[in-house]
Amino acid sequence: PCSMQHRKNQELSTLQKVHLSSPPQESYYWRWHNAGPGMISTIEAMFYAAYEVSRQKYQCLLESNQKMSPTDSNNYLIDQNNLIHLLWLFGHQRATTFKAAQNEGVPAPWSDEEKARQREMRKQKGTWRQLRHKEDEKRLMERNQLKEEKNRLKEKKKESTI
């Protein structure tokens, strides 16, 4: 829901967007969403975007009439290895999260089973949660109206004593 709000925000809608030419069909991150296949986490998107740029640069070198030196080829491999380092912390968090899930006897957060459970927990339309939130909103509005009325009465009382 938050990302949908960002997409609809006028100030943010003018920002340049990037579309990956071949994103993975599923995220390896432990988040859940209902946006469909090809939707991945920010760190994954950064990795795949950098990978696509690196691959495109290498492809251009191959297709150019210039002879590719061993240095150019080696630089491409170095670029690829540097991208792997970008994901080190991500991999470390994933391993730690997996171990914790195993110790607790629950599915890993990125498993299809757990993502489906999390989506279901957050589902609100047509559920008691939606009704509860509407009731909470109604009570909050009533409370705010009472506070405003009290403040108005206090102001009037102050004015009359002056």
Protein backbone atom coordinates (compact mmCIF):
# COMPACT_ATOMS: atom_id res chain seq x y z
CA PRO A 1 0.00 0.00 0.00
CA CYS A 2 2.78 2.45 0.81
CA SER A 3 4.44 2.05 -2.61
CA MET A 4 1.07 2.70 -4.28
CA GLN A 5 0.82 5.98 -2.35
CA HIS A 6 4.31 6.90 -3.56
CA ARG A 7 3.37 6.19 -7.17
CA LYS A 8 0.30 8.41 -6.89
CA ASN A 9 2.15 11.26 -5.13
CA GLN A 10 2.48 14.20 -7.56
CA GLU A 11 5.97 15.24 -6.43
CA LEU A 12 7.32 11.70 -6.62
CA SER A 13 5.56 10.87 -9.89
CA THR A 14 7.95 13.19 -11.76
CA LEU A 15 10.99 11.18 -10.71
CA GLN A 16 12.62 9.11 -13.42
CA LYS A 17 11.70 5.44 -13.29
CA VAL A 18 13.77 2.45 -14.27
CA HIS A 19 12.41 -0.74 -15.74
CA LEU A 20 14.55 -3.85 -15.61
CA SER A 21 14.59 -5.72 -18.91
CA SER A 22 14.58 -9.13 -17.26
CA PRO A 23 13.80 -9.05 -13.53
CA PRO A 24 13.59 -12.36 -11.68
CA GLN A 25 10.07 -13.71 -11.42
CA GLU A 26 10.22 -13.84 -7.64
CA SER A 27 11.99 -11.96 -4.92
CA TYR A 28 14.46 -13.68 -2.62
CA TYR A 29 13.78 -11.01 -0.03
CA TRP A 30 11.54 -11.77 2.95
CA ARG A 31 8.79 -9.37 2.11
CA TRP A 32 5.31 -10.00 0.82
CA HIS A 33 3.19 -8.08 -1.61
CA ASN A 34 0.33 -8.55 -4.00
CA ALA A 35 1.97 -6.75 -6.91
CA GLY A 36 2.64 -9.91 -8.90
CA PRO A 37 5.66 -11.56 -10.48
CA GLY A 38 8.76 -9.54 -11.28
CA MET A 39 8.38 -7.25 -8.25
CA ILE A 40 11.56 -7.34 -6.18
CA SER A 41 13.16 -5.54 -3.25
CA THR A 42 15.17 -2.36 -3.68
CA ILE A 43 18.52 -4.05 -3.03
CA GLU A 44 17.68 -6.73 -5.60
CA ALA A 45 16.63 -4.07 -8.11
CA MET A 46 19.93 -2.24 -7.57
CA PHE A 47 21.86 -5.46 -8.14
CA TYR A 48 19.97 -6.39 -11.31
CA ALA A 49 20.13 -2.84 -12.70
CA ALA A 50 23.91 -2.71 -12.16
CA TYR A 51 24.21 -6.20 -13.65
CA GLU A 52 22.25 -5.18 -16.76
CA VAL A 53 24.42 -2.07 -17.25
CA SER A 54 27.59 -4.11 -16.83
CA ARG A 55 26.35 -6.78 -19.24
CA GLN A 56 25.34 -4.13 -21.79
CA LYS A 57 28.77 -2.48 -21.60
CA TYR A 58 30.42 -5.85 -22.17
CA GLN A 59 28.05 -6.64 -25.05
CA CYS A 60 28.90 -3.31 -26.71
CA LEU A 61 32.59 -4.11 -26.41
CA LEU A 62 32.03 -7.51 -28.03
CA GLU A 63 29.97 -6.06 -30.87
CA SER A 64 32.33 -3.17 -31.60
CA ASN A 65 35.00 -3.65 -34.22
CA GLN A 66 37.61 -3.02 -31.59
CA LYS A 67 39.65 -5.95 -30.46
CA MET A 68 38.90 -6.67 -26.81
CA SER A 69 41.97 -6.81 -24.64
CA PRO A 70 42.37 -9.29 -21.80
CA THR A 71 42.18 -6.25 -19.49
CA ASP A 72 38.68 -5.39 -20.78
CA SER A 73 37.55 -8.96 -20.28
CA ASN A 74 39.10 -9.05 -16.81
CA ASN A 75 37.43 -5.72 -15.87
CA TYR A 76 34.06 -7.22 -16.78
CA LEU A 77 34.68 -10.13 -14.39
CA ILE A 78 35.80 -7.71 -11.67
CA ASP A 79 32.57 -5.70 -12.17
CA GLN A 80 30.55 -8.90 -11.78
CA ASN A 81 32.41 -9.85 -8.57
CA ASN A 82 31.87 -6.35 -7.13
CA LEU A 83 28.14 -6.74 -7.69
CA ILE A 84 28.20 -9.91 -5.60
CA HIS A 85 29.77 -7.92 -2.74
CA LEU A 86 26.80 -5.54 -2.92
CA LEU A 87 24.60 -8.40 -1.76
CA TRP A 88 26.83 -9.61 1.08
CA LEU A 89 24.80 -7.94 3.83
CA PHE A 90 21.57 -9.07 2.19
CA GLY A 91 22.88 -12.67 2.18
CA HIS A 92 24.03 -12.40 5.78
CA GLN A 93 20.61 -11.12 6.91
CA ARG A 94 18.88 -13.87 4.94
CA ALA A 95 21.03 -16.58 6.56
CA THR A 96 20.43 -15.17 10.05
CA THR A 97 16.69 -14.89 9.42
CA PHE A 98 16.55 -18.45 8.09
CA LYS A 99 18.38 -19.81 11.13
CA ALA A 100 16.01 -17.96 13.49
CA ALA A 101 12.97 -19.35 11.61
CA GLN A 102 14.40 -22.88 11.84
CA ASN A 103 15.02 -22.50 15.58
CA GLU A 104 11.43 -21.29 16.07
CA GLY A 105 10.05 -24.09 13.89
CA VAL A 106 8.33 -21.70 11.48
CA PRO A 107 8.66 -21.39 7.69
CA ALA A 108 11.31 -19.05 6.33
CA PRO A 109 9.83 -15.56 5.73
CA TRP A 110 10.53 -15.75 1.97
CA SER A 111 8.86 -19.14 1.50
CA ASP A 112 5.66 -19.17 -0.55
CA GLU A 113 3.79 -20.51 2.47
CA GLU A 114 4.90 -17.67 4.77
CA LYS A 115 4.41 -14.93 2.17
CA ALA A 116 0.85 -16.18 1.58
CA ARG A 117 0.23 -16.22 5.36
CA GLN A 118 1.55 -12.66 5.71
CA ARG A 119 -0.60 -11.44 2.79
CA GLU A 120 -3.64 -13.02 4.39
CA MET A 121 -2.84 -11.42 7.75
CA ARG A 122 -2.67 -7.99 6.12
CA LYS A 123 -5.77 -8.44 4.02
CA GLN A 124 -8.37 -5.97 5.21
CA LYS A 125 -11.07 -5.45 2.61
CA GLY A 126 -14.22 -7.23 3.64
CA THR A 127 -12.77 -8.42 6.96
CA TRP A 128 -13.43 -7.56 10.59
CA ARG A 129 -10.21 -5.49 10.51
CA GLN A 130 -11.64 -3.13 7.94
CA LEU A 131 -14.77 -2.69 10.04
CA ARG A 132 -12.70 -2.23 13.20
CA HIS A 133 -10.61 0.48 11.52
CA LYS A 134 -13.75 2.26 10.33
CA GLU A 135 -15.15 2.16 13.86
CA ASP A 136 -11.84 3.41 15.28
CA GLU A 137 -11.81 6.25 12.76
CA LYS A 138 -15.37 7.18 13.66
CA ARG A 139 -14.60 7.23 17.40
CA LEU A 140 -11.47 9.31 16.79
CA MET A 141 -13.41 11.86 14.76
CA GLU A 142 -16.06 12.09 17.48
CA ARG A 143 -13.37 12.55 20.13
CA ASN A 144 -11.69 15.29 18.09
CA GLN A 145 -15.01 17.07 17.59
CA LEU A 146 -15.63 17.00 21.35
CA LYS A 147 -12.15 18.42 22.01
CA GLU A 148 -12.72 21.19 19.48
CA GLU A 149 -16.07 22.02 21.06
CA LYS A 150 -14.49 22.16 24.54
CA ASN A 151 -11.74 24.45 23.24
CA ARG A 152 -14.32 26.74 21.63
CA LEU A 153 -16.26 26.92 24.90
CA LYS A 154 -13.06 27.75 26.82
CA GLU A 155 -12.25 30.51 24.34
CA LYS A 156 -15.73 31.96 24.67
CA LYS A 157 -15.47 31.83 28.45
CA LYS A 158 -12.11 33.64 28.32
CA GLU A 159 -13.54 36.32 26.02
CA SER A 160 -16.54 36.88 28.25
CA THR A 161 -14.38 37.36 31.37
CA ILE A 162 -12.13 39.91 29.68
